[in-house]
């Protein structure tokens, strides 16, 4: 199973998924926006899936990219 903490970024494989009131915990909880506040997607930014996110301390995200 995979979760995708940041919309359009790479996923994280997890052994189990906790379900919260809004669906799988941490799944697509964050998104990247440009300087105008418009959300960015991999359709217009095809390298976004190369970035992966890791949940740190239950509320922060650490990003990694090649």
PDB file of N, CA and C in Angstrom:
ATOM      1  N   UNK A   1       0.833  -1.163   0.000  1.00  0.00           N
ATOM      2  CA  UNK A   1       0.000   0.000   0.000  1.00  0.00           C
ATOM      3  C   UNK A   1       0.888   1.239   0.000  1.00  0.00           C
ATOM      4  N   UNK A   2       0.378   2.255  -0.620  1.00  0.00           N
ATOM      5  CA  UNK A   2       1.121   3.513  -0.718  1.00  0.00           C
ATOM      6  C   UNK A   2       0.240   4.676  -0.277  1.00  0.00           C
ATOM      7  N   UNK A   3       0.867   5.677   0.320  1.00  0.00           N
ATOM      8  CA  UNK A   3       0.221   6.960   0.554  1.00  0.00           C
ATOM      9  C   UNK A   3       1.039   8.016  -0.165  1.00  0.00           C
ATOM     10  N   UNK A   4       0.390   9.109  -0.487  1.00  0.00           N
ATOM     11  CA  UNK A   4       1.026  10.214  -1.200  1.00  0.00           C
ATOM     12  C   UNK A   4       0.814  11.483  -0.384  1.00  0.00           C
ATOM     13  N   UNK A   5       1.697  11.756   0.595  1.00  0.00           N
ATOM     14  CA  UNK A   5       1.477  12.902   1.486  1.00  0.00           C
ATOM     15  C   UNK A   5       1.336  14.237   0.753  1.00  0.00           C
ATOM     16  N   UNK A   6       2.129  14.450  -0.295  1.00  0.00           N
ATOM     17  CA  UNK A   6       2.064  15.689  -1.064  1.00  0.00           C
ATOM     18  C   UNK A   6       1.515  15.355  -2.445  1.00  0.00           C
ATOM     19  N   UNK A   7       0.421  16.001  -2.806  1.00  0.00           N
ATOM     20  CA  UNK A   7      -0.227  15.746  -4.095  1.00  0.00           C
ATOM     21  C   UNK A   7       0.783  15.894  -5.230  1.00  0.00           C
ATOM     22  N   UNK A   8       0.832  14.911  -6.111  1.00  0.00           N
ATOM     23  CA  UNK A   8       1.677  14.843  -7.311  1.00  0.00           C
ATOM     24  C   UNK A   8       3.123  14.445  -7.042  1.00  0.00           C
ATOM     25  N   UNK A   9       3.523  14.280  -5.787  1.00  0.00           N
ATOM     26  CA  UNK A   9       4.863  13.791  -5.477  1.00  0.00           C
ATOM     27  C   UNK A   9       4.842  12.270  -5.421  1.00  0.00           C
ATOM     28  N   UNK A  10       6.008  11.663  -5.304  1.00  0.00           N
ATOM     29  CA  UNK A  10       6.102  10.218  -5.194  1.00  0.00           C
ATOM     30  C   UNK A  10       5.462   9.714  -3.911  1.00  0.00           C
ATOM     31  N   UNK A  11       5.110   8.432  -3.916  1.00  0.00           N
ATOM     32  CA  UNK A  11       4.436   7.841  -2.770  1.00  0.00           C
ATOM     33  C   UNK A  11       5.385   7.180  -1.794  1.00  0.00           C
ATOM     34  N   UNK A  12       4.838   6.826  -0.645  1.00  0.00           N
ATOM     35  CA  UNK A  12       5.569   6.125   0.401  1.00  0.00           C
ATOM     36  C   UNK A  12       4.877   4.788   0.629  1.00  0.00           C
ATOM     37  N   UNK A  13       5.623   3.710   0.583  1.00  0.00           N
ATOM     38  CA  UNK A  13       5.045   2.404   0.873  1.00  0.00           C
ATOM     39  C   UNK A  13       4.891   2.252   2.385  1.00  0.00           C
ATOM     40  N   UNK A  14       3.709   1.835   2.805  1.00  0.00           N
ATOM     41  CA  UNK A  14       3.423   1.668   4.231  1.00  0.00           C
ATOM     42  C   UNK A  14       2.825   0.286   4.478  1.00  0.00           C
ATOM     43  N   UNK A  15       3.095  -0.304   5.659  1.00  0.00           N
ATOM     44  CA  UNK A  15       2.570  -1.639   5.952  1.00  0.00           C
ATOM     45  C   UNK A  15       1.079  -1.634   6.258  1.00  0.00           C
ATOM     46  N   UNK A  16       0.579  -0.489   6.728  1.00  0.00           N
ATOM     47  CA  UNK A  16      -0.849  -0.366   7.003  1.00  0.00           C
ATOM     48  C   UNK A  16      -1.239   1.096   6.867  1.00  0.00           C
ATOM     49  N   UNK A  17      -2.528   1.341   6.690  1.00  0.00           N
ATOM     50  CA  UNK A  17      -3.011   2.704   6.530  1.00  0.00           C
ATOM     51  C   UNK A  17      -4.042   2.981   7.603  1.00  0.00           C
ATOM     52  N   UNK A  18      -3.826   4.072   8.312  1.00  0.00           N
ATOM     53  CA  UNK A  18      -4.790   4.506   9.317  1.00  0.00           C
ATOM     54  C   UNK A  18      -5.829   5.395   8.637  1.00  0.00           C
ATOM     55  N   UNK A  19      -7.090   5.124   8.882  1.00  0.00           N
ATOM     56  CA  UNK A  19      -8.164   5.904   8.271  1.00  0.00           C
ATOM     57  C   UNK A  19      -8.652   6.946   9.269  1.00  0.00           C
ATOM     58  N   UNK A  20      -8.702   8.181   8.827  1.00  0.00           N
ATOM     59  CA  UNK A  20      -9.196   9.276   9.654  1.00  0.00           C
ATOM     60  C   UNK A  20     -10.506   9.791   9.104  1.00  0.00           C
ATOM     61  N   UNK A  21     -11.000  10.888   9.620  1.00  0.00           N
ATOM     62  CA  UNK A  21     -12.281  11.433   9.172  1.00  0.00           C
ATOM     63  C   UNK A  21     -12.278  11.906   7.715  1.00  0.00           C
ATOM     64  N   UNK A  22     -11.090  12.174   7.177  1.00  0.00           N
ATOM     65  CA  UNK A  22     -10.989  12.655   5.784  1.00  0.00           C
ATOM     66  C   UNK A  22     -10.369  11.627   4.852  1.00  0.00           C
ATOM     67  N   UNK A  23     -10.293  10.379   5.291  1.00  0.00           N
ATOM     68  CA  UNK A  23      -9.707   9.322   4.470  1.00  0.00           C
ATOM     69  C   UNK A  23      -8.399   8.842   5.066  1.00  0.00           C
ATOM     70  N   UNK A  24      -7.548   8.220   4.233  1.00  0.00           N
ATOM     71  CA  UNK A  24      -6.270   7.714   4.740  1.00  0.00           C
ATOM     72  C   UNK A  24      -5.423   8.834   5.354  1.00  0.00           C
ATOM     73  N   UNK A  25      -4.911   8.589   6.554  1.00  0.00           N
ATOM     74  CA  UNK A  25      -4.106   9.592   7.249  1.00  0.00           C
ATOM     75  C   UNK A  25      -2.862   9.923   6.421  1.00  0.00           C
ATOM     76  N   UNK A  26      -2.609  11.192   6.255  1.00  0.00           N
ATOM     77  CA  UNK A  26      -1.464  11.758   5.522  1.00  0.00           C
ATOM     78  C   UNK A  26      -1.583  11.668   4.002  1.00  0.00           C
ATOM     79  N   UNK A  27      -2.587  11.007   3.458  1.00  0.00           N
ATOM     80  CA  UNK A  27      -2.672  10.871   2.004  1.00  0.00           C
ATOM     81  C   UNK A  27      -3.166  12.172   1.381  1.00  0.00           C
ATOM     82  N   UNK A  28      -2.326  12.780   0.567  1.00  0.00           N
ATOM     83  CA  UNK A  28      -2.612  14.035  -0.121  1.00  0.00           C
ATOM     84  C   UNK A  28      -3.048  15.136   0.841  1.00  0.00           C
ATOM     85  N   UNK A  29      -2.355  15.202   1.967  1.00  0.00           N
ATOM     86  CA  UNK A  29      -2.660  16.211   2.983  1.00  0.00           C
ATOM     87  C   UNK A  29      -2.064  17.565   2.607  1.00  0.00           C
ATOM     88  N   UNK A  30      -0.990  17.567   1.829  1.00  0.00           N
ATOM     89  CA  UNK A  30      -0.335  18.800   1.431  1.00  0.00           C
ATOM     90  C   UNK A  30      -0.284  18.902  -0.090  1.00  0.00           C
ATOM     91  N   UNK A  31      -0.125  20.133  -0.592  1.00  0.00           N
ATOM     92  CA  UNK A  31       0.076  20.350  -2.025  1.00  0.00           C
ATOM     93  C   UNK A  31       1.035  21.511  -2.217  1.00  0.00           C
ATOM     94  N   UNK A  32       1.630  21.566  -3.388  1.00  0.00           N
ATOM     95  CA  UNK A  32       2.563  22.635  -3.730  1.00  0.00           C
ATOM     96  C   UNK A  32       1.794  23.676  -4.536  1.00  0.00           C
ATOM     97  N   UNK A  33       1.996  24.945  -4.194  1.00  0.00           N
ATOM     98  CA  UNK A  33       1.366  26.033  -4.938  1.00  0.00           C
ATOM     99  C   UNK A  33       2.446  26.959  -5.475  1.00  0.00           C
ATOM    100  N   UNK A  34       2.113  27.659  -6.532  1.00  0.00           N
ATOM    101  CA  UNK A  34       3.071  28.608  -7.091  1.00  0.00           C
ATOM    102  C   UNK A  34       2.931  29.954  -6.382  1.00  0.00           C
ATOM    103  N   UNK A  35       3.665  30.941  -6.868  1.00  0.00           N
ATOM    104  CA  UNK A  35       3.676  32.258  -6.221  1.00  0.00           C
ATOM    105  C   UNK A  35       2.319  32.958  -6.265  1.00  0.00           C
ATOM    106  N   UNK A  36       1.404  32.475  -7.138  1.00  0.00           N
ATOM    107  CA  UNK A  36       0.061  33.051  -7.229  1.00  0.00           C
ATOM    108  C   UNK A  36      -0.969  32.245  -6.433  1.00  0.00           C
ATOM    109  N   UNK A  37      -0.517  31.214  -5.748  1.00  0.00           N
ATOM    110  CA  UNK A  37      -1.428  30.391  -4.966  1.00  0.00           C
ATOM    111  C   UNK A  37      -2.126  29.302  -5.766  1.00  0.00           C
ATOM    112  N   UNK A  38      -1.727  29.116  -7.034  1.00  0.00           N
ATOM    113  CA  UNK A  38      -2.329  28.082  -7.877  1.00  0.00           C
ATOM    114  C   UNK A  38      -1.592  26.760  -7.634  1.00  0.00           C
ATOM    115  N   UNK A  39      -2.366  25.670  -7.426  1.00  0.00           N
ATOM    116  CA  UNK A  39      -1.714  24.393  -7.152  1.00  0.00           C
ATOM    117  C   UNK A  39      -1.011  23.859  -8.385  1.00  0.00           C
ATOM    118  N   UNK A  40       0.103  23.173  -8.155  1.00  0.00           N
ATOM    119  CA  UNK A  40       0.923  22.620  -9.236  1.00  0.00           C
ATOM    120  C   UNK A  40       0.655  21.119  -9.341  1.00  0.00           C
ATOM    121  N   UNK A  41       0.689  20.603 -10.573  1.00  0.00           N
ATOM    122  CA  UNK A  41       0.455  19.180 -10.796  1.00  0.00           C
ATOM    123  C   UNK A  41       1.549  18.599 -11.672  1.00  0.00           C
ATOM    124  N   UNK A  42       1.604  17.263 -11.724  1.00  0.00           N
ATOM    125  CA  UNK A  42       2.606  16.625 -12.577  1.00  0.00           C
ATOM    126  C   UNK A  42       2.247  16.740 -14.059  1.00  0.00           C
ATOM    127  N   UNK A  43       1.028  17.121 -14.385  1.00  0.00           N
ATOM    128  CA  UNK A  43       0.692  17.347 -15.805  1.00  0.00           C
ATOM    129  C   UNK A  43       1.511  18.492 -16.385  1.00  0.00           C
ATOM    130  N   UNK A  44       1.712  19.529 -15.579  1.00  0.00           N
ATOM    131  CA  UNK A  44       2.490  20.678 -16.056  1.00  0.00           C
ATOM    132  C   UNK A  44       3.918  20.672 -15.530  1.00  0.00           C
ATOM    133  N   UNK A  45       4.197  19.806 -14.548  1.00  0.00           N
ATOM    134  CA  UNK A  45       5.527  19.686 -13.951  1.00  0.00           C
ATOM    135  C   UNK A  45       5.883  18.202 -13.849  1.00  0.00           C
ATOM    136  N   UNK A  46       6.267  17.575 -14.955  1.00  0.00           N
ATOM    137  CA  UNK A  46       6.438  16.122 -14.993  1.00  0.00           C
ATOM    138  C   UNK A  46       7.519  15.554 -14.069  1.00  0.00           C
ATOM    139  N   UNK A  47       8.370  16.379 -13.483  1.00  0.00           N
ATOM    140  CA  UNK A  47       9.381  15.860 -12.566  1.00  0.00           C
ATOM    141  C   UNK A  47       8.896  15.784 -11.118  1.00  0.00           C
ATOM    142  N   UNK A  48       7.702  16.237 -10.842  1.00  0.00           N
ATOM    143  CA  UNK A  48       7.191  16.230  -9.470  1.00  0.00           C
ATOM    144  C   UNK A  48       7.186  14.835  -8.837  1.00  0.00           C
ATOM    145  N   UNK A  49       6.853  13.765  -9.554  1.00  0.00           N
ATOM    146  CA  UNK A  49       6.860  12.446  -8.917  1.00  0.00           C
ATOM    147  C   UNK A  49       8.245  11.973  -8.458  1.00  0.00           C
ATOM    148  N   UNK A  50       9.307  12.648  -8.913  1.00  0.00           N
ATOM    149  CA  UNK A  50      10.653  12.289  -8.458  1.00  0.00           C
ATOM    150  C   UNK A  50      10.919  12.768  -7.032  1.00  0.00           C
ATOM    151  N   UNK A  51      10.085  13.673  -6.556  1.00  0.00           N
ATOM    152  CA  UNK A  51      10.215  14.176  -5.188  1.00  0.00           C
ATOM    153  C   UNK A  51       9.399  13.251  -4.282  1.00  0.00           C
ATOM    154  N   UNK A  52       9.999  12.829  -3.179  1.00  0.00           N
ATOM    155  CA  UNK A  52       9.269  12.012  -2.220  1.00  0.00           C
ATOM    156  C   UNK A  52       9.180  12.760  -0.889  1.00  0.00           C
ATOM    157  N   UNK A  53       8.145  12.439  -0.158  1.00  0.00           N
ATOM    158  CA  UNK A  53       7.912  13.084   1.129  1.00  0.00           C
ATOM    159  C   UNK A  53       7.951  12.037   2.226  1.00  0.00           C
ATOM    160  N   UNK A  54       8.463  12.425   3.373  1.00  0.00           N
ATOM    161  CA  UNK A  54       8.501  11.541   4.538  1.00  0.00           C
ATOM    162  C   UNK A  54       7.879  12.309   5.693  1.00  0.00           C
ATOM    163  N   UNK A  55       6.965  11.646   6.410  1.00  0.00           N
ATOM    164  CA  UNK A  55       6.318  12.268   7.557  1.00  0.00           C
ATOM    165  C   UNK A  55       7.295  12.281   8.738  1.00  0.00           C
ATOM    166  N   UNK A  56       7.462  13.448   9.334  1.00  0.00           N
ATOM    167  CA  UNK A  56       8.358  13.614  10.480  1.00  0.00           C
ATOM    168  C   UNK A  56       7.548  14.192  11.640  1.00  0.00           C
ATOM    169  N   UNK A  57       7.622  13.539  12.773  1.00  0.00           N
ATOM    170  CA  UNK A  57       6.972  14.036  13.991  1.00  0.00           C
ATOM    171  C   UNK A  57       5.483  14.305  13.820  1.00  0.00           C
ATOM    172  N   UNK A  58       4.794  13.481  13.056  1.00  0.00           N
ATOM    173  CA  UNK A  58       3.341  13.496  12.939  1.00  0.00           C
ATOM    174  C   UNK A  58       2.729  14.755  12.314  1.00  0.00           C
ATOM    175  N   UNK A  59       3.523  15.741  11.936  1.00  0.00           N
ATOM    176  CA  UNK A  59       2.909  16.933  11.361  1.00  0.00           C
ATOM    177  C   UNK A  59       3.808  17.659  10.368  1.00  0.00           C
ATOM    178  N   UNK A  60       5.055  17.245  10.235  1.00  0.00           N
ATOM    179  CA  UNK A  60       5.987  17.894   9.328  1.00  0.00           C
ATOM    180  C   UNK A  60       6.338  16.935   8.203  1.00  0.00           C
ATOM    181  N   UNK A  61       6.750  17.503   7.088  1.00  0.00           N
ATOM    182  CA  UNK A  61       7.117  16.708   5.929  1.00  0.00           C
ATOM    183  C   UNK A  61       8.556  17.023   5.551  1.00  0.00           C
ATOM    184  N   UNK A  62       9.337  15.971   5.308  1.00  0.00           N
ATOM    185  CA  UNK A  62      10.708  16.119   4.827  1.00  0.00           C
ATOM    186  C   UNK A  62      10.710  15.683   3.369  1.00  0.00           C
ATOM    187  N   UNK A  63      11.207  16.538   2.482  1.00  0.00           N
ATOM    188  CA  UNK A  63      11.205  16.257   1.043  1.00  0.00           C
ATOM    189  C   UNK A  63      12.585  15.818   0.581  1.00  0.00           C
ATOM    190  N   UNK A  64      12.600  14.879  -0.364  1.00  0.00           N
ATOM    191  CA  UNK A  64      13.845  14.395  -0.956  1.00  0.00           C
ATOM    192  C   UNK A  64      13.674  14.364  -2.475  1.00  0.00           C
ATOM    193  N   UNK A  65      14.702  14.797  -3.183  1.00  0.00           N
ATOM    194  CA  UNK A  65      14.665  14.789  -4.643  1.00  0.00           C
ATOM    195  C   UNK A  65      16.036  14.430  -5.181  1.00  0.00           C
ATOM    196  N   UNK A  66      16.061  13.834  -6.386  1.00  0.00           N
ATOM    197  CA  UNK A  66      17.371  13.502  -6.978  1.00  0.00           C
ATOM    198  C   UNK A  66      18.151  14.757  -7.356  1.00  0.00           C
TER     199      UNK A  66
END
